[in-house]
Every structure is written in C-alpha cells, then in structure tokens.
Amino acid sequence: MAGNTHMHITNEDTEDASETDLAKHDEDDYVEIKEQMYQDKLASLKRQLLQLQEGGTLQEYQKRMKKLDQQYRERLRNADLFLQLETEQVERNYIKEKKAAVKEFDDKKVELKENLIAELEEKKKMIENEKLTMELTGDSMEVKPIMTRKLRRRPNDPVPIPDKRRKPAPAQLNYLLTDEQIMEDLRTLNKLKSPKRPVSPSSPEHLPAIPLEAPAQRYEARIEEGKLYYDKRWYNKSQAIYLESKENTKISCVISSVGTNEIWVRKTSDSTKMRIYLGQLQRGAFVIRRRSAA
C-alpha cells in the first residue's frame, strides 16, 4: 500500500514537470515568433524607406502626391477664377465712377454757367436801373461826361442845378414800380422836357415837379470820412434804419455803403438796393430814422 502511494506521487510529479516544460517551450516559441514579426516589420519599413529615398516609388507616397497635386491644381483654378471676378468688378466700378465723375463735372459746369449768367443779368439790370435813376434825377452830371454835356447845353450855375434837377418821386418809383411803368414815366418826362427846351433851365416851368418842393433845405446832410451826418446824427455802414419818403412809405433798410455824394441802402424785405443822394436827404425827399428810434 505504501509502495503504491509512493508510485502514485512520483507519477504526478512527472506530469507536473512535463507541463512546466511544455509551458516554457510554448513561451520560447511565442518570443521567437514575436521577434520574427518584429524583424519582418522592421525590414518592411526599411524597404519602404529605401523606396522613398531612392526614387519616390513608394505606392503610399505616390498616392498622397497625386492627391496633393489635385488639390494644388484645384486651388490654382479657383484663384484664377477669383482673379477674373475681381478684375471684372474693378473694371465695372471704374467705368461707373468715371461716368459719375463726368456727369458731376458737366452738372457743375452748367450750374456755374447759369450762376454767372444770372449774376451778370442781375448786374445788368442794376446798371440799367441806375442809369434810369440818373436820367430821371440828374444827380450824376458832375461825374458822367454825358451829363456834363447836358450842362453845356443848358448854361447856368453848375452848383445849384443838381439840387434843382433832382426829382425824389421818380427815384422812389424806380424801385416801387415795374420796368414798364418806369419807361412810361421816362417817356412822359421827355415829352414834358421837349417843348420847354428854349426856356431857361432856372425857370420854374423847366420841370413840373420842382415847384412842388420847397427851395430851402429842410435837413442837414453831409458825408465825412465814410460816415453820413444827417439831422444831428451820425450813420455808419451796416446800420439799420427806416427810410421814409414823401409818399408816406416806410421801408426797413440797412446802409450797405457810403459814397462821396450818396449812400446805398439795402431793403430788408427783398435785399434790393437803392441809391439815396445827399440832395434828396437835404430836401426831405427821403427821411432817415434810426430803427430803434422809429
């Protein structure tokens, strides 16, 4: 019995030893296989590296190069299309801006021409009105050669003649009536003057409006150093005044300039200008009042 037991134990130990050896053998085979796989993988990588370095014959490299080349060509095509689009847009904007600049230039040229024409027409009308005023009042004889010739045709003392020949009512009508009414008044005055030329200019019948005026001066008026002294007051350029006429008209004005023998006033209502001579102020044809005192 004891011998059998010993035999049994011996057999079990032998089987355990055999299993251990088998496990070691399997482990050795696994390590060997793993080493072989590593060597094969390393050899494959070295071969691929050699193909890549020698001539770029590696398939994966060629595949990626082809894909990269396609992307490159696509980007070139897109860039070319974008360049064409931008160029066309720039051309369109250039043509549009050029047309706009030409149109603005033409419009400005027309506007400038119209403004100059309007300004010249206004100056022409002002000169014509001033000429009519001179012809009606006779206040410019001492500065105009043609008015001097009138003095020669009517010999008399040249100093009092301008005061006697001034007619305040027509001068006021020059700005309150239309051009047609002014021309009609001028023709009527010329007709009145024609049959009375042989009569002495100093005669009261010479002008119908003069007998209505008082021969004596009613107000003191003179100009000194660009200032108007009138009725014990001094008046400067740009001073606001009221201008009253014999027709009881009252106009709000501003003195625009002071000359040597006259002043210019600008109406507040329509900005038109009037010339007022010292003789008209002295005779009371026009009365100046300060706006604050009016």
C-alpha atoms as a PDB file:
ATOM      1  CA  MET A   1       0.000   0.000   0.000  1.00  0.00           C
ATOM      2  CA  ALA A   2       2.855   2.249   0.919  1.00  0.00           C
ATOM      3  CA  GLY A   3       4.664   1.375  -2.244  1.00  0.00           C
ATOM      4  CA  ASN A   4       1.667   2.175  -4.381  1.00  0.00           C
ATOM      5  CA  THR A   5       1.293   5.527  -2.740  1.00  0.00           C
ATOM      6  CA  HIS A   6       4.860   6.405  -3.461  1.00  0.00           C
ATOM      7  CA  MET A   7       4.483   5.412  -7.030  1.00  0.00           C
ATOM      8  CA  HIS A   8       1.417   7.492  -7.404  1.00  0.00           C
ATOM      9  CA  ILE A   9       3.164  10.585  -6.091  1.00  0.00           C
ATOM     10  CA  THR A  10       6.062  10.041  -8.406  1.00  0.00           C
ATOM     11  CA  ASN A  11       3.806   9.862 -11.440  1.00  0.00           C
ATOM     12  CA  GLU A  12       2.045  13.152 -10.504  1.00  0.00           C
ATOM     13  CA  ASP A  13       5.361  14.944 -10.111  1.00  0.00           C
ATOM     14  CA  THR A  14       6.439  13.731 -13.510  1.00  0.00           C
ATOM     15  CA  GLU A  15       3.257  15.084 -15.098  1.00  0.00           C
ATOM     16  CA  ASP A  16       3.716  18.459 -13.419  1.00  0.00           C
ATOM     17  CA  ALA A  17       7.266  18.633 -14.652  1.00  0.00           C
ATOM     18  CA  SER A  18       6.156  17.825 -18.164  1.00  0.00           C
ATOM     19  CA  GLU A  19       3.525  20.598 -18.137  1.00  0.00           C
ATOM     20  CA  THR A  20       6.094  23.152 -16.933  1.00  0.00           C
ATOM     21  CA  ASP A  21       8.476  22.198 -19.684  1.00  0.00           C
ATOM     22  CA  LEU A  22       5.713  22.496 -22.238  1.00  0.00           C
ATOM     23  CA  ALA A  23       4.770  25.922 -20.978  1.00  0.00           C
ATOM     24  CA  LYS A  24       8.369  27.069 -21.200  1.00  0.00           C
ATOM     25  CA  HIS A  25       8.605  25.674 -24.688  1.00  0.00           C
ATOM     26  CA  ASP A  26       5.466  27.496 -25.755  1.00  0.00           C
ATOM     27  CA  GLU A  27       6.723  30.731 -24.256  1.00  0.00           C
ATOM     28  CA  ASP A  28      10.000  30.368 -26.086  1.00  0.00           C
ATOM     29  CA  ASP A  29       8.151  29.778 -29.329  1.00  0.00           C
ATOM     30  CA  TYR A  30       5.990  32.892 -28.732  1.00  0.00           C
ATOM     31  CA  VAL A  31       9.015  35.068 -28.093  1.00  0.00           C
ATOM     32  CA  GLU A  32      10.699  33.695 -31.159  1.00  0.00           C
ATOM     33  CA  ILE A  33       7.621  34.350 -33.291  1.00  0.00           C
ATOM     34  CA  LYS A  34       7.268  37.848 -31.885  1.00  0.00           C
ATOM     35  CA  GLU A  35      10.922  38.560 -32.613  1.00  0.00           C
ATOM     36  CA  GLN A  36      10.476  37.284 -36.137  1.00  0.00           C
ATOM     37  CA  MET A  37       7.450  39.526 -36.655  1.00  0.00           C
ATOM     38  CA  TYR A  38       9.401  42.488 -35.350  1.00  0.00           C
ATOM     39  CA  GLN A  39      12.264  41.750 -37.696  1.00  0.00           C
ATOM     40  CA  ASP A  40       9.886  41.346 -40.635  1.00  0.00           C
ATOM     41  CA  LYS A  41       8.127  44.627 -39.790  1.00  0.00           C
ATOM     42  CA  LEU A  42      11.443  46.423 -39.395  1.00  0.00           C
ATOM     43  CA  ALA A  43      12.690  45.006 -42.699  1.00  0.00           C
ATOM     44  CA  SER A  44       9.462  46.147 -44.389  1.00  0.00           C
ATOM     45  CA  LEU A  45       9.809  49.658 -43.006  1.00  0.00           C
ATOM     46  CA  LYS A  46      13.442  49.825 -44.088  1.00  0.00           C
ATOM     47  CA  ARG A  47      12.453  48.670 -47.550  1.00  0.00           C
ATOM     48  CA  GLN A  48       9.718  51.321 -47.763  1.00  0.00           C
ATOM     49  CA  LEU A  49      12.175  53.971 -46.560  1.00  0.00           C
ATOM     50  CA  LEU A  50      14.661  52.892 -49.205  1.00  0.00           C
ATOM     51  CA  GLN A  51      11.983  53.113 -51.919  1.00  0.00           C
ATOM     52  CA  LEU A  52      11.020  56.572 -50.676  1.00  0.00           C
ATOM     53  CA  GLN A  53      14.604  57.842 -50.618  1.00  0.00           C
ATOM     54  CA  GLU A  54      15.764  56.348 -53.910  1.00  0.00           C
ATOM     55  CA  GLY A  55      13.109  57.496 -56.368  1.00  0.00           C
ATOM     56  CA  GLY A  56       9.851  58.055 -54.652  1.00  0.00           C
ATOM     57  CA  THR A  57       8.474  54.767 -55.896  1.00  0.00           C
ATOM     58  CA  LEU A  58       6.639  54.082 -52.666  1.00  0.00           C
ATOM     59  CA  GLN A  59       2.993  53.494 -53.504  1.00  0.00           C
ATOM     60  CA  GLU A  60       1.638  55.348 -50.479  1.00  0.00           C
ATOM     61  CA  TYR A  61       3.885  58.296 -51.304  1.00  0.00           C
ATOM     62  CA  GLN A  62       2.752  58.375 -54.908  1.00  0.00           C
ATOM     63  CA  LYS A  63      -0.891  58.182 -53.824  1.00  0.00           C
ATOM     64  CA  ARG A  64      -0.528  61.106 -51.462  1.00  0.00           C
ATOM     65  CA  MET A  65       1.466  63.116 -54.017  1.00  0.00           C
ATOM     66  CA  LYS A  66      -1.286  62.621 -56.563  1.00  0.00           C
ATOM     67  CA  LYS A  67      -3.919  63.812 -54.108  1.00  0.00           C
ATOM     68  CA  LEU A  68      -1.793  66.831 -53.179  1.00  0.00           C
ATOM     69  CA  ASP A  69      -1.288  67.673 -56.859  1.00  0.00           C
ATOM     70  CA  GLN A  70      -5.044  67.580 -57.442  1.00  0.00           C
ATOM     71  CA  GLN A  71      -5.606  69.964 -54.519  1.00  0.00           C
ATOM     72  CA  TYR A  72      -2.916  72.262 -55.884  1.00  0.00           C
ATOM     73  CA  ARG A  73      -4.484  72.383 -59.341  1.00  0.00           C
ATOM     74  CA  GLU A  74      -7.918  72.975 -57.860  1.00  0.00           C
ATOM     75  CA  ARG A  75      -6.657  75.883 -55.805  1.00  0.00           C
ATOM     76  CA  LEU A  76      -4.931  77.357 -58.851  1.00  0.00           C
ATOM     77  CA  ARG A  77      -8.156  77.144 -60.838  1.00  0.00           C
ATOM     78  CA  ASN A  78     -10.150  78.759 -58.029  1.00  0.00           C
ATOM     79  CA  ALA A  79      -7.557  81.518 -57.639  1.00  0.00           C
ATOM     80  CA  ASP A  80      -7.667  82.217 -61.384  1.00  0.00           C
ATOM     81  CA  LEU A  81     -11.465  82.416 -61.341  1.00  0.00           C
ATOM     82  CA  PHE A  82     -11.395  84.724 -58.314  1.00  0.00           C
ATOM     83  CA  LEU A  83      -8.831  86.943 -60.041  1.00  0.00           C
ATOM     84  CA  GLN A  84     -11.024  87.224 -63.127  1.00  0.00           C
ATOM     85  CA  LEU A  85     -14.061  88.031 -60.978  1.00  0.00           C
ATOM     86  CA  GLU A  86     -12.226  90.721 -59.030  1.00  0.00           C
ATOM     87  CA  THR A  87     -10.820  92.225 -62.233  1.00  0.00           C
ATOM     88  CA  GLU A  88     -14.255  92.430 -63.810  1.00  0.00           C
ATOM     89  CA  GLN A  89     -15.665  94.014 -60.648  1.00  0.00           C
ATOM     90  CA  VAL A  90     -12.867  96.599 -60.573  1.00  0.00           C
ATOM     91  CA  GLU A  91     -13.460  97.402 -64.253  1.00  0.00           C
ATOM     92  CA  ARG A  92     -17.171  97.864 -63.649  1.00  0.00           C
ATOM     93  CA  ASN A  93     -16.547 100.131 -60.658  1.00  0.00           C
ATOM     94  CA  TYR A  94     -14.018 102.148 -62.626  1.00  0.00           C
ATOM     95  CA  ILE A  95     -16.425 102.705 -65.517  1.00  0.00           C
ATOM     96  CA  LYS A  96     -19.227 103.593 -63.097  1.00  0.00           C
ATOM     97  CA  GLU A  97     -17.112 106.080 -61.150  1.00  0.00           C
ATOM     98  CA  LYS A  98     -15.763 107.606 -64.344  1.00  0.00           C
ATOM     99  CA  LYS A  99     -19.293 108.163 -65.688  1.00  0.00           C
ATOM    100  CA  ALA A 100     -20.333 109.662 -62.342  1.00  0.00           C
ATOM    101  CA  ALA A 101     -17.318 111.996 -62.357  1.00  0.00           C
ATOM    102  CA  VAL A 102     -18.040 113.135 -65.928  1.00  0.00           C
ATOM    103  CA  LYS A 103     -21.701 113.722 -65.053  1.00  0.00           C
ATOM    104  CA  GLU A 104     -20.780 115.687 -61.926  1.00  0.00           C
ATOM    105  CA  PHE A 105     -18.322 117.763 -63.954  1.00  0.00           C
ATOM    106  CA  ASP A 106     -20.952 118.540 -66.605  1.00  0.00           C
ATOM    107  CA  ASP A 107     -23.537 119.403 -63.957  1.00  0.00           C
ATOM    108  CA  LYS A 108     -21.112 121.688 -62.137  1.00  0.00           C
ATOM    109  CA  LYS A 109     -20.145 123.347 -65.411  1.00  0.00           C
ATOM    110  CA  VAL A 110     -23.782 124.008 -66.313  1.00  0.00           C
ATOM    111  CA  GLU A 111     -24.520 125.233 -62.786  1.00  0.00           C
ATOM    112  CA  LEU A 112     -21.520 127.578 -62.846  1.00  0.00           C
ATOM    113  CA  LYS A 113     -22.538 128.950 -66.237  1.00  0.00           C
ATOM    114  CA  GLU A 114     -26.131 129.506 -65.094  1.00  0.00           C
ATOM    115  CA  ASN A 115     -24.977 131.222 -61.903  1.00  0.00           C
ATOM    116  CA  LEU A 116     -22.650 133.512 -63.830  1.00  0.00           C
ATOM    117  CA  ILE A 117     -25.384 134.358 -66.333  1.00  0.00           C
ATOM    118  CA  ALA A 118     -27.830 135.089 -63.529  1.00  0.00           C
ATOM    119  CA  GLU A 119     -25.252 137.244 -61.750  1.00  0.00           C
ATOM    120  CA  LEU A 120     -24.460 139.169 -64.926  1.00  0.00           C
ATOM    121  CA  GLU A 121     -28.153 139.640 -65.656  1.00  0.00           C
ATOM    122  CA  GLU A 122     -28.663 140.976 -62.149  1.00  0.00           C
ATOM    123  CA  LYS A 123     -25.745 143.369 -62.538  1.00  0.00           C
ATOM    124  CA  LYS A 124     -27.055 144.429 -65.936  1.00  0.00           C
ATOM    125  CA  LYS A 125     -30.486 145.130 -64.517  1.00  0.00           C
ATOM    126  CA  MET A 126     -28.978 147.050 -61.608  1.00  0.00           C
ATOM    127  CA  ILE A 127     -26.902 149.178 -64.009  1.00  0.00           C
ATOM    128  CA  GLU A 128     -29.946 149.830 -66.188  1.00  0.00           C
ATOM    129  CA  ASN A 129     -31.958 150.885 -63.147  1.00  0.00           C
ATOM    130  CA  GLU A 130     -29.113 153.101 -62.009  1.00  0.00           C
ATOM    131  CA  LYS A 131     -28.929 154.671 -65.455  1.00  0.00           C
ATOM    132  CA  LEU A 132     -32.659 155.340 -65.411  1.00  0.00           C
ATOM    133  CA  THR A 133     -32.318 156.885 -61.960  1.00  0.00           C
ATOM    134  CA  MET A 134     -29.511 159.122 -63.177  1.00  0.00           C
ATOM    135  CA  GLU A 135     -31.515 160.209 -66.199  1.00  0.00           C
ATOM    136  CA  LEU A 136     -34.578 160.930 -64.078  1.00  0.00           C
ATOM    137  CA  THR A 137     -32.815 162.703 -61.188  1.00  0.00           C
ATOM    138  CA  GLY A 138     -29.810 164.254 -62.945  1.00  0.00           C
ATOM    139  CA  ASP A 139     -27.639 163.665 -59.851  1.00  0.00           C
ATOM    140  CA  SER A 140     -24.703 162.151 -61.764  1.00  0.00           C
ATOM    141  CA  MET A 141     -23.974 165.114 -64.056  1.00  0.00           C
ATOM    142  CA  GLU A 142     -20.814 166.001 -62.201  1.00  0.00           C
ATOM    143  CA  VAL A 143     -19.250 162.547 -62.704  1.00  0.00           C
ATOM    144  CA  LYS A 144     -20.673 161.463 -66.084  1.00  0.00           C
ATOM    145  CA  PRO A 145     -19.316 163.134 -69.274  1.00  0.00           C
ATOM    146  CA  ILE A 146     -22.682 162.875 -70.984  1.00  0.00           C
ATOM    147  CA  MET A 147     -24.333 164.690 -68.078  1.00  0.00           C
ATOM    148  CA  THR A 148     -21.617 167.369 -68.336  1.00  0.00           C
ATOM    149  CA  ARG A 149     -22.608 167.900 -71.956  1.00  0.00           C
ATOM    150  CA  LYS A 150     -26.158 168.483 -70.767  1.00  0.00           C
ATOM    151  CA  LEU A 151     -24.791 171.224 -68.543  1.00  0.00           C
ATOM    152  CA  ARG A 152     -23.164 172.832 -71.577  1.00  0.00           C
ATOM    153  CA  ARG A 153     -26.449 172.731 -73.475  1.00  0.00           C
ATOM    154  CA  ARG A 154     -28.137 174.460 -70.517  1.00  0.00           C
ATOM    155  CA  PRO A 155     -25.667 177.062 -69.290  1.00  0.00           C
ATOM    156  CA  ASN A 156     -26.197 178.137 -65.730  1.00  0.00           C
ATOM    157  CA  ASP A 157     -24.568 177.861 -62.327  1.00  0.00           C
ATOM    158  CA  PRO A 158     -23.474 174.182 -62.055  1.00  0.00           C
ATOM    159  CA  VAL A 159     -23.701 174.018 -58.247  1.00  0.00           C
ATOM    160  CA  PRO A 160     -27.435 174.531 -57.635  1.00  0.00           C
ATOM    161  CA  ILE A 161     -28.519 172.715 -60.796  1.00  0.00           C
ATOM    162  CA  PRO A 162     -28.151 169.163 -59.390  1.00  0.00           C
ATOM    163  CA  ASP A 163     -30.335 170.056 -56.405  1.00  0.00           C
ATOM    164  CA  LYS A 164     -32.983 171.641 -58.606  1.00  0.00           C
ATOM    165  CA  ARG A 165     -32.991 168.795 -61.093  1.00  0.00           C
ATOM    166  CA  ARG A 166     -33.397 166.080 -58.507  1.00  0.00           C
ATOM    167  CA  LYS A 167     -36.842 164.556 -58.540  1.00  0.00           C
ATOM    168  CA  PRO A 168     -37.319 162.340 -55.459  1.00  0.00           C
ATOM    169  CA  ALA A 169     -40.620 160.860 -56.529  1.00  0.00           C
ATOM    170  CA  PRO A 170     -39.298 159.230 -59.765  1.00  0.00           C
ATOM    171  CA  ALA A 171     -36.249 157.946 -57.869  1.00  0.00           C
ATOM    172  CA  GLN A 172     -38.553 156.229 -55.405  1.00  0.00           C
ATOM    173  CA  LEU A 173     -40.765 154.912 -58.226  1.00  0.00           C
ATOM    174  CA  ASN A 174     -37.713 153.332 -59.771  1.00  0.00           C
ATOM    175  CA  TYR A 175     -37.828 150.719 -57.053  1.00  0.00           C
ATOM    176  CA  LEU A 176     -41.542 150.537 -56.366  1.00  0.00           C
ATOM    177  CA  LEU A 177     -42.866 150.360 -59.960  1.00  0.00           C
ATOM    178  CA  THR A 178     -42.333 147.843 -62.721  1.00  0.00           C
ATOM    179  CA  ASP A 179     -39.867 148.383 -65.571  1.00  0.00           C
ATOM    180  CA  GLU A 180     -42.721 149.132 -67.996  1.00  0.00           C
ATOM    181  CA  GLN A 181     -44.140 151.806 -65.680  1.00  0.00           C
ATOM    182  CA  ILE A 182     -40.703 153.351 -65.271  1.00  0.00           C
ATOM    183  CA  MET A 183     -40.193 153.527 -69.040  1.00  0.00           C
ATOM    184  CA  GLU A 184     -43.636 155.089 -69.441  1.00  0.00           C
ATOM    185  CA  ASP A 185     -42.799 157.744 -66.832  1.00  0.00           C
ATOM    186  CA  LEU A 186     -39.477 158.404 -68.569  1.00  0.00           C
ATOM    187  CA  ARG A 187     -41.192 158.926 -71.930  1.00  0.00           C
ATOM    188  CA  THR A 188     -43.711 161.265 -70.317  1.00  0.00           C
ATOM    189  CA  LEU A 189     -40.937 163.310 -68.714  1.00  0.00           C
ATOM    190  CA  ASN A 190     -39.055 163.523 -72.004  1.00  0.00           C
ATOM    191  CA  LYS A 191     -42.202 164.797 -73.697  1.00  0.00           C
ATOM    192  CA  LEU A 192     -42.597 167.416 -70.984  1.00  0.00           C
ATOM    193  CA  LYS A 193     -38.994 168.492 -71.391  1.00  0.00           C
ATOM    194  CA  SER A 194     -39.050 168.753 -75.201  1.00  0.00           C
ATOM    195  CA  PRO A 195     -41.293 171.834 -75.694  1.00  0.00           C
ATOM    196  CA  LYS A 196     -39.611 173.691 -72.844  1.00  0.00           C
ATOM    197  CA  ARG A 197     -36.008 173.488 -74.049  1.00  0.00           C
ATOM    198  CA  PRO A 198     -35.873 177.153 -75.165  1.00  0.00           C
ATOM    199  CA  VAL A 199     -36.922 178.216 -71.686  1.00  0.00           C
ATOM    200  CA  SER A 200     -34.155 178.976 -69.242  1.00  0.00           C
ATOM    201  CA  PRO A 201     -33.275 175.939 -67.084  1.00  0.00           C
ATOM    202  CA  SER A 202     -33.558 178.079 -63.993  1.00  0.00           C
ATOM    203  CA  SER A 203     -37.177 178.880 -64.807  1.00  0.00           C
ATOM    204  CA  PRO A 204     -39.796 177.185 -62.588  1.00  0.00           C
ATOM    205  CA  GLU A 205     -41.530 175.846 -65.698  1.00  0.00           C
ATOM    206  CA  HIS A 206     -38.447 173.857 -66.607  1.00  0.00           C
ATOM    207  CA  LEU A 207     -39.522 170.848 -64.528  1.00  0.00           C
ATOM    208  CA  PRO A 208     -43.055 170.353 -63.286  1.00  0.00           C
ATOM    209  CA  ALA A 209     -42.065 168.648 -60.057  1.00  0.00           C
ATOM    210  CA  ILE A 210     -39.744 171.363 -58.762  1.00  0.00           C
ATOM    211  CA  PRO A 211     -42.368 173.995 -57.889  1.00  0.00           C
ATOM    212  CA  LEU A 212     -43.890 171.491 -55.506  1.00  0.00           C
ATOM    213  CA  GLU A 213     -40.683 171.362 -53.482  1.00  0.00           C
ATOM    214  CA  ALA A 214     -39.583 173.944 -51.012  1.00  0.00           C
ATOM    215  CA  PRO A 215     -36.402 175.697 -52.228  1.00  0.00           C
ATOM    216  CA  ALA A 216     -34.849 175.751 -48.797  1.00  0.00           C
ATOM    217  CA  GLN A 217     -33.116 172.697 -47.283  1.00  0.00           C
ATOM    218  CA  ARG A 218     -35.076 171.056 -44.532  1.00  0.00           C
ATOM    219  CA  TYR A 219     -32.353 168.766 -43.155  1.00  0.00           C
ATOM    220  CA  GLU A 220     -28.617 168.990 -42.736  1.00  0.00           C
ATOM    221  CA  ALA A 221     -26.875 166.133 -44.563  1.00  0.00           C
ATOM    222  CA  ARG A 222     -23.213 165.624 -45.398  1.00  0.00           C
ATOM    223  CA  ILE A 223     -20.675 162.808 -45.740  1.00  0.00           C
ATOM    224  CA  GLU A 224     -17.339 162.850 -43.919  1.00  0.00           C
ATOM    225  CA  GLU A 225     -14.762 160.038 -43.763  1.00  0.00           C
ATOM    226  CA  GLY A 226     -17.205 157.388 -44.931  1.00  0.00           C
ATOM    227  CA  LYS A 227     -19.923 158.414 -42.453  1.00  0.00           C
ATOM    228  CA  LEU A 228     -23.234 160.157 -43.040  1.00  0.00           C
ATOM    229  CA  TYR A 229     -24.133 163.136 -40.821  1.00  0.00           C
ATOM    230  CA  TYR A 230     -27.885 163.620 -41.055  1.00  0.00           C
ATOM    231  CA  ASP A 231     -30.254 165.541 -38.816  1.00  0.00           C
ATOM    232  CA  LYS A 232     -27.689 165.881 -35.994  1.00  0.00           C
ATOM    233  CA  ARG A 233     -26.857 162.165 -36.026  1.00  0.00           C
ATOM    234  CA  TRP A 234     -24.032 160.084 -37.487  1.00  0.00           C
ATOM    235  CA  TYR A 235     -24.854 156.971 -39.534  1.00  0.00           C
ATOM    236  CA  ASN A 236     -22.325 154.260 -40.395  1.00  0.00           C
ATOM    237  CA  LYS A 237     -22.182 151.418 -42.881  1.00  0.00           C
ATOM    238  CA  SER A 238     -24.302 148.350 -41.912  1.00  0.00           C
ATOM    239  CA  GLN A 239     -26.535 150.467 -39.637  1.00  0.00           C
ATOM    240  CA  ALA A 240     -30.216 149.515 -39.550  1.00  0.00           C
ATOM    241  CA  ILE A 241     -32.575 152.364 -40.435  1.00  0.00           C
ATOM    242  CA  TYR A 242     -36.081 153.210 -41.576  1.00  0.00           C
ATOM    243  CA  LEU A 243     -36.365 155.101 -44.862  1.00  0.00           C
ATOM    244  CA  GLU A 244     -39.432 157.291 -45.244  1.00  0.00           C
ATOM    245  CA  SER A 245     -40.454 159.019 -48.481  1.00  0.00           C
ATOM    246  CA  LYS A 246     -42.786 161.876 -49.291  1.00  0.00           C
ATOM    247  CA  GLU A 247     -45.386 159.321 -50.289  1.00  0.00           C
ATOM    248  CA  ASN A 248     -45.511 158.235 -46.628  1.00  0.00           C
ATOM    249  CA  THR A 249     -43.917 154.885 -47.433  1.00  0.00           C
ATOM    250  CA  LYS A 250     -41.776 153.407 -44.673  1.00  0.00           C
ATOM    251  CA  ILE A 251     -39.105 150.860 -45.637  1.00  0.00           C
ATOM    252  CA  SER A 252     -36.837 148.895 -43.331  1.00  0.00           C
ATOM    253  CA  CYS A 253     -33.269 149.110 -44.682  1.00  0.00           C
ATOM    254  CA  VAL A 254     -29.611 148.649 -43.880  1.00  0.00           C
ATOM    255  CA  ILE A 255     -26.932 151.082 -45.064  1.00  0.00           C
ATOM    256  CA  SER A 256     -24.790 148.978 -47.392  1.00  0.00           C
ATOM    257  CA  SER A 257     -22.226 151.622 -48.415  1.00  0.00           C
ATOM    258  CA  VAL A 258     -21.460 155.341 -48.077  1.00  0.00           C
ATOM    259  CA  GLY A 259     -20.107 157.160 -51.144  1.00  0.00           C
ATOM    260  CA  THR A 260     -18.916 160.710 -51.724  1.00  0.00           C
ATOM    261  CA  ASN A 261     -22.270 162.245 -52.583  1.00  0.00           C
ATOM    262  CA  GLU A 262     -24.710 159.441 -51.921  1.00  0.00           C
ATOM    263  CA  ILE A 263     -25.449 156.355 -49.844  1.00  0.00           C
ATOM    264  CA  TRP A 264     -26.656 152.888 -50.844  1.00  0.00           C
ATOM    265  CA  VAL A 265     -29.271 151.140 -48.741  1.00  0.00           C
ATOM    266  CA  ARG A 266     -30.437 147.511 -48.925  1.00  0.00           C
ATOM    267  CA  LYS A 267     -34.072 146.696 -48.293  1.00  0.00           C
ATOM    268  CA  THR A 268     -34.678 144.137 -45.569  1.00  0.00           C
ATOM    269  CA  SER A 269     -37.693 142.688 -47.356  1.00  0.00           C
ATOM    270  CA  ASP A 270     -36.147 141.648 -50.702  1.00  0.00           C
ATOM    271  CA  SER A 271     -32.451 142.677 -50.401  1.00  0.00           C
ATOM    272  CA  THR A 272     -32.722 145.087 -53.364  1.00  0.00           C
ATOM    273  CA  LYS A 273     -30.519 148.185 -53.241  1.00  0.00           C
ATOM    274  CA  MET A 274     -31.402 151.884 -53.576  1.00  0.00           C
ATOM    275  CA  ARG A 275     -29.192 154.911 -54.063  1.00  0.00           C
ATOM    276  CA  ILE A 276     -30.079 157.961 -51.985  1.00  0.00           C
ATOM    277  CA  TYR A 277     -28.338 161.265 -52.823  1.00  0.00           C
ATOM    278  CA  LEU A 278     -27.470 163.962 -50.305  1.00  0.00           C
ATOM    279  CA  GLY A 279     -29.715 166.459 -52.100  1.00  0.00           C
ATOM    280  CA  GLN A 280     -32.707 164.180 -51.617  1.00  0.00           C
ATOM    281  CA  LEU A 281     -31.958 163.943 -47.910  1.00  0.00           C
ATOM    282  CA  GLN A 282     -31.376 167.685 -47.642  1.00  0.00           C
ATOM    283  CA  ARG A 283     -34.692 168.499 -49.326  1.00  0.00           C
ATOM    284  CA  GLY A 284     -36.597 165.949 -47.297  1.00  0.00           C
ATOM    285  CA  ALA A 285     -37.462 163.751 -50.276  1.00  0.00           C
ATOM    286  CA  PHE A 286     -36.291 160.889 -48.097  1.00  0.00           C
ATOM    287  CA  VAL A 287     -36.134 160.884 -44.320  1.00  0.00           C
ATOM    288  CA  ILE A 288     -33.805 158.568 -42.412  1.00  0.00           C
ATOM    289  CA  ARG A 289     -34.651 157.415 -38.922  1.00  0.00           C
ATOM    290  CA  ARG A 290     -32.784 155.015 -36.734  1.00  0.00           C
ATOM    291  CA  ARG A 291     -34.657 151.776 -36.451  1.00  0.00           C
ATOM    292  CA  SER A 292     -34.567 151.815 -32.658  1.00  0.00           C
ATOM    293  CA  ALA A 293     -35.983 155.318 -32.591  1.00  0.00           C
ATOM    294  CA  ALA A 294     -38.591 154.750 -35.302  1.00  0.00           C
END
